[in-house]
Amino acid sequence: MATRTKPAAEAMARVLVLKRAFDANPSVVFAAWTAEERLLRWFGMHSCTIDARAGGMFRFGLQSAERYVQGNYLEVVDGERIVFTWAEENPDGAPSHETLVTVTLIEQEGRTFLTLHQAVFESLAQRDEQESEWVASLARLAAYVVSE
C-alpha cells in the first residue's frame, strides 16, 4: 500500500500564527499599522507608501536589506482587523510568492491583544524566516505604542 501524503497537514505547517499583548488601546495599535508616518517609525523600513483601505496597496523598502515587499489591502476594519496580501519583490519588481496576512486586534482591560496570521508559505524555512522578522517588528511596535 502506498503511503499517502497529508496535504492539509503539510499546508498547516507552513502557516504562521503569532500572538502579542500591547500596553495600548486598539485605536493606537491600529493607527500604527495604517498611518504611513507611524508605520515608518516602528516597522523597520527605509521607505513606505500605503493606501490603507480595502482595495488600496502598499510597498515597503525594508531596512534589513535592499528588499521590497508589496501587497494589497483586502479588508480594513478600524481598530479591529487588517487583511492584506504580502509578497517580496523579485529584482524585476514583480511580486514573488504571495501570502495572506490577517492582523486582528482585541481590547481587554485597556490592553490590545494582537493575533497575526500569515499563510501559506512555500516552505517551512520561509515561514521561520518571516517569523523571526515579525517577532522583531512586533517588539518594536510594543515599544512604539507605549511612547504614543
N, C-alpha and C. Protein backbone atom coordinates (compact mmCIF):
# COMPACT_ATOMS: atom_id res chain seq x y z
N MET A 1 0.85 -1.18 0.00
CA MET A 1 0.00 0.00 0.00
C MET A 1 0.89 1.24 0.00
N ALA A 2 0.60 2.15 -0.89
CA ALA A 2 1.39 3.37 -1.00
C ALA A 2 1.07 4.31 0.17
N THR A 3 2.11 5.01 0.61
CA THR A 3 1.93 5.99 1.68
C THR A 3 1.34 7.25 1.08
N ARG A 4 0.28 7.73 1.70
CA ARG A 4 -0.36 8.96 1.22
C ARG A 4 0.18 10.14 2.00
N THR A 5 0.36 11.22 1.29
CA THR A 5 0.76 12.45 1.98
C THR A 5 -0.50 13.11 2.53
N LYS A 6 -0.31 13.97 3.44
CA LYS A 6 -1.43 14.69 4.04
C LYS A 6 -1.28 16.16 3.67
N PRO A 7 -1.80 16.57 2.49
CA PRO A 7 -1.60 17.93 2.03
C PRO A 7 -2.12 18.99 2.99
N ALA A 8 -3.24 18.75 3.65
CA ALA A 8 -3.77 19.75 4.57
C ALA A 8 -2.82 19.95 5.75
N ALA A 9 -2.30 18.87 6.29
CA ALA A 9 -1.37 18.96 7.42
C ALA A 9 -0.08 19.65 6.99
N GLU A 10 0.39 19.33 5.80
CA GLU A 10 1.61 19.97 5.29
C GLU A 10 1.39 21.47 5.10
N ALA A 11 0.24 21.85 4.56
CA ALA A 11 -0.05 23.26 4.37
C ALA A 11 -0.16 23.98 5.72
N MET A 12 -0.78 23.36 6.71
CA MET A 12 -0.91 23.98 8.03
C MET A 12 0.45 24.21 8.68
N ALA A 13 1.41 23.37 8.39
CA ALA A 13 2.76 23.56 8.94
C ALA A 13 3.42 24.80 8.34
N ARG A 14 2.93 25.25 7.19
CA ARG A 14 3.51 26.43 6.54
C ARG A 14 2.69 27.69 6.82
N VAL A 15 1.96 27.67 7.94
CA VAL A 15 1.17 28.81 8.40
C VAL A 15 1.85 29.39 9.63
N LEU A 16 1.86 30.70 9.71
CA LEU A 16 2.46 31.39 10.85
C LEU A 16 1.35 32.07 11.66
N VAL A 17 1.34 31.83 12.96
CA VAL A 17 0.41 32.50 13.86
C VAL A 17 1.22 33.03 15.04
N LEU A 18 1.15 34.34 15.25
CA LEU A 18 1.83 34.98 16.36
C LEU A 18 0.81 35.73 17.19
N LYS A 19 1.02 35.75 18.50
CA LYS A 19 0.14 36.49 19.41
C LYS A 19 1.02 37.37 20.28
N ARG A 20 0.52 38.58 20.54
CA ARG A 20 1.29 39.53 21.35
C ARG A 20 0.32 40.49 22.02
N ALA A 21 0.61 40.85 23.27
CA ALA A 21 -0.17 41.83 24.00
C ALA A 21 0.57 43.17 23.98
N PHE A 22 -0.19 44.24 23.89
CA PHE A 22 0.37 45.59 23.86
C PHE A 22 -0.28 46.43 24.95
N ASP A 23 0.52 47.26 25.58
CA ASP A 23 0.03 48.18 26.61
C ASP A 23 -0.48 49.46 25.97
N ALA A 24 -1.49 49.32 25.14
CA ALA A 24 -2.11 50.45 24.44
C ALA A 24 -3.48 49.98 23.97
N ASN A 25 -4.36 50.93 23.73
CA ASN A 25 -5.68 50.52 23.24
C ASN A 25 -5.63 50.22 21.74
N PRO A 26 -6.62 49.50 21.23
CA PRO A 26 -6.59 49.11 19.82
C PRO A 26 -6.50 50.26 18.83
N SER A 27 -7.07 51.41 19.15
CA SER A 27 -7.00 52.52 18.19
C SER A 27 -5.56 52.98 17.98
N VAL A 28 -4.74 52.95 19.03
CA VAL A 28 -3.33 53.33 18.90
C VAL A 28 -2.57 52.28 18.10
N VAL A 29 -2.80 51.01 18.39
CA VAL A 29 -2.12 49.94 17.66
C VAL A 29 -2.55 49.93 16.20
N PHE A 30 -3.84 50.11 15.96
CA PHE A 30 -4.36 50.15 14.59
C PHE A 30 -3.73 51.30 13.80
N ALA A 31 -3.66 52.48 14.41
CA ALA A 31 -3.06 53.64 13.74
C ALA A 31 -1.60 53.39 13.41
N ALA A 32 -0.91 52.65 14.26
CA ALA A 32 0.50 52.34 13.99
C ALA A 32 0.65 51.46 12.75
N TRP A 33 -0.36 50.69 12.41
CA TRP A 33 -0.34 49.85 11.21
C TRP A 33 -0.82 50.58 9.97
N THR A 34 -1.62 51.63 10.14
CA THR A 34 -2.31 52.20 8.98
C THR A 34 -1.94 53.64 8.65
N ALA A 35 -1.14 54.29 9.47
CA ALA A 35 -0.68 55.65 9.18
C ALA A 35 0.78 55.59 8.76
N GLU A 36 1.05 56.05 7.56
CA GLU A 36 2.39 55.92 6.96
C GLU A 36 3.50 56.43 7.89
N GLU A 37 3.33 57.62 8.45
CA GLU A 37 4.39 58.20 9.30
C GLU A 37 4.62 57.37 10.56
N ARG A 38 3.58 56.73 11.08
CA ARG A 38 3.73 55.88 12.26
C ARG A 38 4.36 54.55 11.90
N LEU A 39 3.93 53.99 10.80
CA LEU A 39 4.48 52.71 10.33
C LEU A 39 5.99 52.80 10.10
N LEU A 40 6.42 53.92 9.55
CA LEU A 40 7.86 54.13 9.31
C LEU A 40 8.66 54.11 10.61
N ARG A 41 8.07 54.54 11.70
CA ARG A 41 8.79 54.64 12.97
C ARG A 41 9.09 53.29 13.61
N TRP A 42 8.24 52.30 13.40
CA TRP A 42 8.44 51.04 14.13
C TRP A 42 8.70 49.83 13.25
N PHE A 43 8.32 49.85 12.01
CA PHE A 43 8.33 48.62 11.23
C PHE A 43 9.72 48.15 10.80
N GLY A 44 10.65 49.06 10.69
CA GLY A 44 11.99 48.65 10.25
C GLY A 44 12.14 48.73 8.75
N MET A 45 11.82 49.89 8.20
CA MET A 45 11.92 50.08 6.75
C MET A 45 12.48 51.46 6.47
N HIS A 46 13.02 51.62 5.28
CA HIS A 46 13.56 52.92 4.89
C HIS A 46 12.57 53.73 4.07
N SER A 47 11.54 53.08 3.57
CA SER A 47 10.52 53.80 2.81
C SER A 47 9.22 53.02 2.84
N CYS A 48 8.13 53.75 2.70
CA CYS A 48 6.84 53.06 2.56
C CYS A 48 5.85 53.97 1.88
N THR A 49 4.99 53.35 1.13
CA THR A 49 3.85 54.01 0.52
C THR A 49 2.67 53.12 0.83
N ILE A 50 1.66 53.69 1.47
CA ILE A 50 0.49 52.88 1.80
C ILE A 50 -0.79 53.63 1.48
N ASP A 51 -1.80 52.86 1.15
CA ASP A 51 -3.17 53.33 0.99
C ASP A 51 -4.02 52.33 1.76
N ALA A 52 -4.08 52.52 3.09
CA ALA A 52 -4.66 51.53 4.00
C ALA A 52 -6.18 51.58 3.99
N ARG A 53 -6.73 51.04 2.92
CA ARG A 53 -8.18 50.89 2.79
C ARG A 53 -8.41 49.67 1.90
N ALA A 54 -9.56 49.06 2.03
CA ALA A 54 -9.87 47.92 1.19
C ALA A 54 -9.70 48.32 -0.27
N GLY A 55 -8.90 47.58 -1.00
CA GLY A 55 -8.60 47.89 -2.39
C GLY A 55 -7.33 48.71 -2.56
N GLY A 56 -6.78 49.23 -1.45
CA GLY A 56 -5.55 50.01 -1.50
C GLY A 56 -4.33 49.11 -1.59
N MET A 57 -3.19 49.72 -1.83
CA MET A 57 -1.93 48.98 -1.99
C MET A 57 -0.88 49.52 -1.04
N PHE A 58 0.21 48.74 -0.88
CA PHE A 58 1.36 49.22 -0.14
C PHE A 58 2.64 48.71 -0.79
N ARG A 59 3.74 49.41 -0.49
CA ARG A 59 5.08 48.99 -0.90
C ARG A 59 6.04 49.47 0.18
N PHE A 60 6.81 48.53 0.74
CA PHE A 60 7.77 48.84 1.80
C PHE A 60 9.18 48.54 1.32
N GLY A 61 10.11 49.43 1.64
CA GLY A 61 11.53 49.16 1.46
C GLY A 61 12.10 48.78 2.82
N LEU A 62 12.43 47.51 3.01
CA LEU A 62 12.87 47.02 4.31
C LEU A 62 14.32 47.40 4.59
N GLN A 63 14.59 47.80 5.84
CA GLN A 63 15.94 48.21 6.22
C GLN A 63 16.89 47.03 6.37
N SER A 64 16.34 45.86 6.67
CA SER A 64 17.19 44.70 6.92
C SER A 64 18.05 44.34 5.71
N ALA A 65 17.66 44.77 4.56
CA ALA A 65 18.41 44.53 3.32
C ALA A 65 17.74 45.38 2.24
N GLU A 66 18.31 45.40 1.09
CA GLU A 66 17.65 46.11 0.00
C GLU A 66 16.54 45.23 -0.56
N ARG A 67 15.55 45.02 0.27
CA ARG A 67 14.40 44.20 -0.08
C ARG A 67 13.15 45.06 -0.08
N TYR A 68 12.26 44.73 -0.95
CA TYR A 68 10.97 45.43 -1.02
C TYR A 68 9.86 44.40 -0.94
N VAL A 69 8.79 44.77 -0.26
CA VAL A 69 7.58 43.95 -0.23
C VAL A 69 6.43 44.82 -0.69
N GLN A 70 5.43 44.15 -1.24
CA GLN A 70 4.26 44.85 -1.73
C GLN A 70 3.02 44.02 -1.45
N GLY A 71 1.89 44.68 -1.50
CA GLY A 71 0.65 43.94 -1.29
C GLY A 71 -0.55 44.82 -1.48
N ASN A 72 -1.69 44.20 -1.28
CA ASN A 72 -2.98 44.87 -1.41
C ASN A 72 -3.77 44.68 -0.12
N TYR A 73 -4.41 45.74 0.31
CA TYR A 73 -5.31 45.65 1.46
C TYR A 73 -6.65 45.09 0.99
N LEU A 74 -7.08 44.02 1.64
CA LEU A 74 -8.35 43.40 1.27
C LEU A 74 -9.47 43.80 2.22
N GLU A 75 -9.10 44.04 3.48
CA GLU A 75 -10.09 44.42 4.49
C GLU A 75 -9.40 45.31 5.52
N VAL A 76 -10.03 46.40 5.87
CA VAL A 76 -9.51 47.30 6.90
C VAL A 76 -10.71 47.72 7.76
N VAL A 77 -10.76 47.20 8.99
CA VAL A 77 -11.84 47.50 9.92
C VAL A 77 -11.23 48.26 11.08
N ASP A 78 -11.57 49.52 11.19
CA ASP A 78 -10.97 50.44 12.15
C ASP A 78 -10.90 49.84 13.56
N GLY A 79 -9.68 49.74 14.08
CA GLY A 79 -9.46 49.28 15.44
C GLY A 79 -9.62 47.79 15.66
N GLU A 80 -9.93 47.03 14.59
CA GLU A 80 -10.23 45.61 14.78
C GLU A 80 -9.41 44.65 13.92
N ARG A 81 -9.29 44.96 12.62
CA ARG A 81 -8.70 43.95 11.73
C ARG A 81 -8.15 44.60 10.47
N ILE A 82 -7.03 44.03 10.01
CA ILE A 82 -6.43 44.43 8.74
C ILE A 82 -6.06 43.13 8.02
N VAL A 83 -6.49 43.01 6.78
CA VAL A 83 -6.18 41.83 5.97
C VAL A 83 -5.50 42.33 4.71
N PHE A 84 -4.33 41.75 4.41
CA PHE A 84 -3.59 42.19 3.23
C PHE A 84 -2.75 41.05 2.66
N THR A 85 -2.44 41.18 1.38
CA THR A 85 -1.52 40.24 0.76
C THR A 85 -0.10 40.72 1.03
N TRP A 86 0.86 39.82 0.91
CA TRP A 86 2.27 40.12 1.22
C TRP A 86 3.14 39.34 0.25
N ALA A 87 3.97 40.05 -0.50
CA ALA A 87 4.89 39.38 -1.43
C ALA A 87 6.16 40.19 -1.55
N GLU A 88 7.30 39.52 -1.43
CA GLU A 88 8.57 40.20 -1.70
C GLU A 88 8.66 40.43 -3.20
N GLU A 89 9.36 41.51 -3.54
CA GLU A 89 9.55 41.80 -4.96
C GLU A 89 10.78 41.07 -5.48
N ASN A 90 10.66 40.54 -6.68
CA ASN A 90 11.81 39.99 -7.40
C ASN A 90 12.64 41.17 -7.91
N PRO A 91 13.86 40.93 -8.37
CA PRO A 91 14.68 42.02 -8.89
C PRO A 91 14.02 42.84 -10.01
N ASP A 92 13.12 42.21 -10.76
CA ASP A 92 12.43 42.95 -11.83
C ASP A 92 11.21 43.73 -11.33
N GLY A 93 10.95 43.68 -10.01
CA GLY A 93 9.83 44.40 -9.43
C GLY A 93 8.54 43.62 -9.36
N ALA A 94 8.51 42.46 -9.99
CA ALA A 94 7.32 41.62 -9.94
C ALA A 94 7.23 40.94 -8.58
N PRO A 95 6.01 40.70 -8.09
CA PRO A 95 5.89 40.03 -6.79
C PRO A 95 6.27 38.56 -6.88
N SER A 96 6.87 38.07 -5.79
CA SER A 96 7.18 36.64 -5.69
C SER A 96 5.96 35.94 -5.08
N HIS A 97 6.19 34.82 -4.45
CA HIS A 97 5.10 34.06 -3.82
C HIS A 97 4.32 34.95 -2.85
N GLU A 98 3.01 34.93 -2.98
CA GLU A 98 2.16 35.81 -2.18
C GLU A 98 1.54 35.03 -1.02
N THR A 99 1.52 35.67 0.16
CA THR A 99 0.83 35.11 1.31
C THR A 99 -0.27 36.08 1.73
N LEU A 100 -1.14 35.61 2.58
CA LEU A 100 -2.24 36.43 3.10
C LEU A 100 -1.98 36.66 4.59
N VAL A 101 -2.01 37.93 5.00
CA VAL A 101 -1.77 38.31 6.39
C VAL A 101 -3.06 38.88 6.97
N THR A 102 -3.43 38.38 8.14
CA THR A 102 -4.57 38.91 8.87
C THR A 102 -4.08 39.35 10.24
N VAL A 103 -4.28 40.61 10.57
CA VAL A 103 -3.93 41.16 11.88
C VAL A 103 -5.25 41.47 12.58
N THR A 104 -5.47 40.82 13.73
CA THR A 104 -6.69 41.01 14.50
C THR A 104 -6.34 41.64 15.83
N LEU A 105 -7.12 42.65 16.23
CA LEU A 105 -6.90 43.36 17.49
C LEU A 105 -8.12 43.20 18.38
N ILE A 106 -7.88 42.82 19.63
CA ILE A 106 -8.96 42.67 20.60
C ILE A 106 -8.56 43.44 21.86
N GLU A 107 -9.47 44.27 22.35
CA GLU A 107 -9.21 45.03 23.57
C GLU A 107 -9.68 44.24 24.78
N GLN A 108 -8.85 44.25 25.80
CA GLN A 108 -9.22 43.63 27.06
C GLN A 108 -8.52 44.37 28.18
N GLU A 109 -9.31 44.98 29.04
CA GLU A 109 -8.80 45.70 30.21
C GLU A 109 -7.74 46.74 29.84
N GLY A 110 -8.01 47.52 28.77
CA GLY A 110 -7.12 48.59 28.37
C GLY A 110 -5.90 48.17 27.59
N ARG A 111 -5.75 46.89 27.35
CA ARG A 111 -4.63 46.38 26.55
C ARG A 111 -5.17 45.87 25.22
N THR A 112 -4.26 45.72 24.29
CA THR A 112 -4.63 45.17 22.98
C THR A 112 -3.95 43.83 22.79
N PHE A 113 -4.74 42.84 22.42
CA PHE A 113 -4.20 41.52 22.12
C PHE A 113 -4.25 41.34 20.61
N LEU A 114 -3.08 41.19 20.02
CA LEU A 114 -2.93 41.11 18.57
C LEU A 114 -2.67 39.66 18.19
N THR A 115 -3.34 39.22 17.16
CA THR A 115 -3.04 37.94 16.53
C THR A 115 -2.67 38.23 15.08
N LEU A 116 -1.51 37.73 14.67
CA LEU A 116 -1.06 37.85 13.28
C LEU A 116 -1.07 36.45 12.68
N HIS A 117 -1.79 36.30 11.60
CA HIS A 117 -1.90 35.02 10.89
C HIS A 117 -1.39 35.25 9.47
N GLN A 118 -0.40 34.47 9.03
CA GLN A 118 0.14 34.60 7.67
C GLN A 118 0.21 33.22 7.04
N ALA A 119 -0.34 33.11 5.82
CA ALA A 119 -0.38 31.80 5.16
C ALA A 119 -0.50 31.98 3.65
N VAL A 120 -0.16 31.04 2.94
CA VAL A 120 0.59 29.82 3.20
C VAL A 120 1.96 30.02 2.56
N PHE A 121 3.00 29.73 3.32
CA PHE A 121 4.36 29.88 2.83
C PHE A 121 4.72 28.72 1.91
N GLU A 122 5.69 28.96 1.04
CA GLU A 122 6.16 27.90 0.14
C GLU A 122 6.93 26.83 0.89
N SER A 123 7.60 27.22 1.99
CA SER A 123 8.41 26.25 2.72
C SER A 123 8.43 26.60 4.21
N LEU A 124 8.82 25.63 5.01
CA LEU A 124 8.98 25.87 6.45
C LEU A 124 10.10 26.87 6.70
N ALA A 125 11.15 26.83 5.91
CA ALA A 125 12.26 27.76 6.08
C ALA A 125 11.80 29.19 5.85
N GLN A 126 10.98 29.41 4.85
CA GLN A 126 10.46 30.76 4.60
C GLN A 126 9.56 31.20 5.74
N ARG A 127 8.74 30.28 6.24
CA ARG A 127 7.88 30.62 7.38
C ARG A 127 8.73 31.01 8.59
N ASP A 128 9.76 30.23 8.87
CA ASP A 128 10.62 30.50 10.02
C ASP A 128 11.35 31.83 9.88
N GLU A 129 11.81 32.15 8.69
CA GLU A 129 12.49 33.42 8.46
C GLU A 129 11.52 34.59 8.67
N GLN A 130 10.32 34.46 8.14
CA GLN A 130 9.32 35.51 8.31
C GLN A 130 8.92 35.64 9.78
N GLU A 131 8.86 34.53 10.48
CA GLU A 131 8.51 34.58 11.90
C GLU A 131 9.52 35.41 12.69
N SER A 132 10.80 35.19 12.46
CA SER A 132 11.81 35.96 13.20
C SER A 132 11.71 37.45 12.86
N GLU A 133 11.39 37.78 11.62
CA GLU A 133 11.24 39.19 11.24
C GLU A 133 10.00 39.80 11.90
N TRP A 134 8.89 39.06 11.94
CA TRP A 134 7.68 39.59 12.59
C TRP A 134 7.90 39.75 14.09
N VAL A 135 8.56 38.79 14.73
CA VAL A 135 8.80 38.89 16.17
C VAL A 135 9.59 40.17 16.48
N ALA A 136 10.61 40.46 15.69
CA ALA A 136 11.40 41.68 15.89
C ALA A 136 10.54 42.92 15.63
N SER A 137 9.74 42.90 14.59
CA SER A 137 8.88 44.05 14.27
C SER A 137 7.85 44.29 15.37
N LEU A 138 7.25 43.22 15.88
CA LEU A 138 6.25 43.38 16.93
C LEU A 138 6.87 43.88 18.23
N ALA A 139 8.12 43.53 18.49
CA ALA A 139 8.82 44.07 19.66
C ALA A 139 9.01 45.58 19.50
N ARG A 140 9.37 46.01 18.28
CA ARG A 140 9.50 47.46 18.03
C ARG A 140 8.14 48.14 18.15
N LEU A 141 7.09 47.48 17.68
CA LEU A 141 5.74 48.05 17.80
C LEU A 141 5.35 48.21 19.26
N ALA A 142 5.66 47.22 20.09
CA ALA A 142 5.33 47.30 21.52
C ALA A 142 6.00 48.50 22.16
N ALA A 143 7.25 48.74 21.85
CA ALA A 143 7.98 49.91 22.38
C ALA A 143 7.38 51.19 21.83
N TYR A 144 7.01 51.19 20.57
CA TYR A 144 6.47 52.40 19.93
C TYR A 144 5.13 52.81 20.54
N VAL A 145 4.20 51.87 20.68
CA VAL A 145 2.86 52.25 21.14
C VAL A 145 2.87 52.72 22.59
N VAL A 146 3.81 52.26 23.38
CA VAL A 146 3.92 52.74 24.77
C VAL A 146 4.32 54.21 24.78
N SER A 147 5.11 54.62 23.79
CA SER A 147 5.57 56.01 23.74
C SER A 147 4.53 56.96 23.13
N GLU A 148 3.50 56.43 22.51
CA GLU A 148 2.48 57.27 21.86
C GLU A 148 1.53 57.87 22.87
